[in-house]
C-alpha atoms as a PDB file:
ATOM      1  CA  MET A   1      11.676  69.898  29.299  1.00  0.00           C
ATOM      2  CA  THR A   2      14.494  71.532  27.325  1.00  0.00           C
ATOM      3  CA  ALA A   3      16.544  74.492  28.432  1.00  0.00           C
ATOM      4  CA  ALA A   4      15.559  77.809  26.886  1.00  0.00           C
ATOM      5  CA  ILE A   5      17.667  80.893  26.352  1.00  0.00           C
ATOM      6  CA  PHE A   6      15.696  84.126  26.637  1.00  0.00           C
ATOM      7  CA  GLY A   7      12.533  82.064  26.471  1.00  0.00           C
ATOM      8  CA  LEU A   8      13.491  80.640  23.063  1.00  0.00           C
ATOM      9  CA  GLY A   9      13.763  76.939  22.372  1.00  0.00           C
ATOM     10  CA  PRO A  10      16.441  75.227  20.294  1.00  0.00           C
ATOM     11  CA  LEU A  11      14.402  75.355  17.086  1.00  0.00           C
ATOM     12  CA  GLU A  12      13.827  79.099  17.358  1.00  0.00           C
ATOM     13  CA  LEU A  13      17.531  79.693  18.062  1.00  0.00           C
ATOM     14  CA  LEU A  14      18.454  77.629  15.019  1.00  0.00           C
ATOM     15  CA  ILE A  15      16.095  79.629  12.807  1.00  0.00           C
ATOM     16  CA  ILE A  16      17.536  82.917  14.120  1.00  0.00           C
ATOM     17  CA  LEU A  17      21.081  81.646  13.460  1.00  0.00           C
ATOM     18  CA  ILE A  18      20.187  80.692   9.882  1.00  0.00           C
ATOM     19  CA  VAL A  19      18.599  84.108   9.268  1.00  0.00           C
ATOM     20  CA  ILE A  20      21.712  85.867  10.615  1.00  0.00           C
ATOM     21  CA  ILE A  21      23.970  83.785   8.363  1.00  0.00           C
ATOM     22  CA  VAL A  22      21.830  84.451   5.282  1.00  0.00           C
ATOM     23  CA  LEU A  23      21.543  88.193   5.930  1.00  0.00           C
ATOM     24  CA  PHE A  24      24.997  89.131   7.189  1.00  0.00           C
ATOM     25  CA  LEU A  25      27.463  86.587   5.859  1.00  0.00           C
ATOM     26  CA  PRO A  26      26.768  85.927   2.164  1.00  0.00           C
ATOM     27  CA  LYS A  27      30.019  87.596   1.096  1.00  0.00           C
ATOM     28  CA  GLN A  28      32.070  85.780   3.713  1.00  0.00           C
ATOM     29  CA  LEU A  29      30.400  82.396   3.304  1.00  0.00           C
ATOM     30  CA  PRO A  30      32.652  81.242   0.407  1.00  0.00           C
ATOM     31  CA  LYS A  31      35.741  82.173   2.454  1.00  0.00           C
ATOM     32  CA  ILE A  32      34.420  80.280   5.457  1.00  0.00           C
ATOM     33  CA  VAL A  33      33.655  77.200   3.356  1.00  0.00           C
ATOM     34  CA  LYS A  34      37.090  77.360   1.721  1.00  0.00           C
ATOM     35  CA  ARG A  35      38.857  77.592   5.096  1.00  0.00           C
ATOM     36  CA  LEU A  36      36.766  74.747   6.451  1.00  0.00           C
ATOM     37  CA  SER A  37      37.592  72.523   3.482  1.00  0.00           C
ATOM     38  CA  GLU A  38      41.305  73.375   3.777  1.00  0.00           C
ATOM     39  CA  SER A  39      41.207  72.440   7.442  1.00  0.00           C
ATOM     40  CA  ILE A  40      39.478  69.142   6.698  1.00  0.00           C
ATOM     41  CA  ASN A  41      42.040  68.351   3.999  1.00  0.00           C
ATOM     42  CA  ALA A  42      44.910  69.161   6.369  1.00  0.00           C
ATOM     43  CA  VAL A  43      43.493  66.809   8.992  1.00  0.00           C
ATOM     44  CA  ARG A  44      43.068  64.070   6.376  1.00  0.00           C
ATOM     45  CA  ASP A  45      46.663  64.503   5.212  1.00  0.00           C
ATOM     46  CA  MET A  46      47.957  64.261   8.780  1.00  0.00           C
ATOM     47  CA  THR A  47      45.941  61.126   9.504  1.00  0.00           C
ATOM     48  CA  ASP A  48      47.034  59.529   6.223  1.00  0.00           C
ATOM     49  CA  LYS A  49      50.694  60.217   7.053  1.00  0.00           C
ATOM     50  CA  ASP A  50      50.216  58.790  10.529  1.00  0.00           C
ATOM     51  CA  LEU A  51      48.551  55.658   9.158  1.00  0.00           C
ATOM     52  CA  ASP A  52      51.361  55.194   6.619  1.00  0.00           C
ATOM     53  CA  LYS A  53      53.935  55.556   9.385  1.00  0.00           C
ATOM     54  CA  GLN A  54      52.146  52.949  11.509  1.00  0.00           C
ATOM     55  CA  GLU A  55      52.011  50.515   8.568  1.00  0.00           C
ATOM     56  CA  GLU A  56      55.753  50.953   7.944  1.00  0.00           C
ATOM     57  CA  GLU A  57      56.495  50.263  11.610  1.00  0.00           C
ATOM     58  CA  LYS A  58      54.374  47.087  11.502  1.00  0.00           C
ATOM     59  CA  LYS A  59      56.227  45.903   8.393  1.00  0.00           C
ATOM     60  CA  LYS A  60      59.599  46.523  10.070  1.00  0.00           C
ATOM     61  CA  GLU A  61      58.481  44.606  13.161  1.00  0.00           C
ATOM     62  CA  GLN A  62      57.296  41.689  11.030  1.00  0.00           C
ATOM     63  CA  LYS A  63      60.610  41.585   9.152  1.00  0.00           C
ATOM     64  CA  THR A  64      62.608  41.465  12.378  1.00  0.00           C
ATOM     65  CA  GLU A  65      60.351  38.715  13.771  1.00  0.00           C
ATOM     66  CA  ASP A  66      60.695  36.622  10.594  1.00  0.00           C
ATOM     67  CA  ARG A  67      64.510  36.587  10.732  1.00  0.00           C
ATOM     68  CA  PRO A  68      66.104  33.500  12.238  1.00  0.00           C
ATOM     69  CA  PRO A  69      68.338  34.165  15.237  1.00  0.00           C
ATOM     70  CA  SER A  70      71.949  34.706  14.245  1.00  0.00           C
ATOM     71  CA  SER A  71      74.656  32.393  15.595  1.00  0.00           C
END
């Protein structure tokens, strides 16, 4: 048995949420989508930079391991 809020199941709550979005947010929806896409792009950029940094560190470690010990 699923939990119900105000006697409504999850499907009914989802339908109500969709109706609210369609009725009250059509003007703000493009702004919301734009902000969401900007946030996703910012997260991607940060992860790409982090991955690049990790690759550079691995390359530096490999170079130092490949060097013969100095006399």
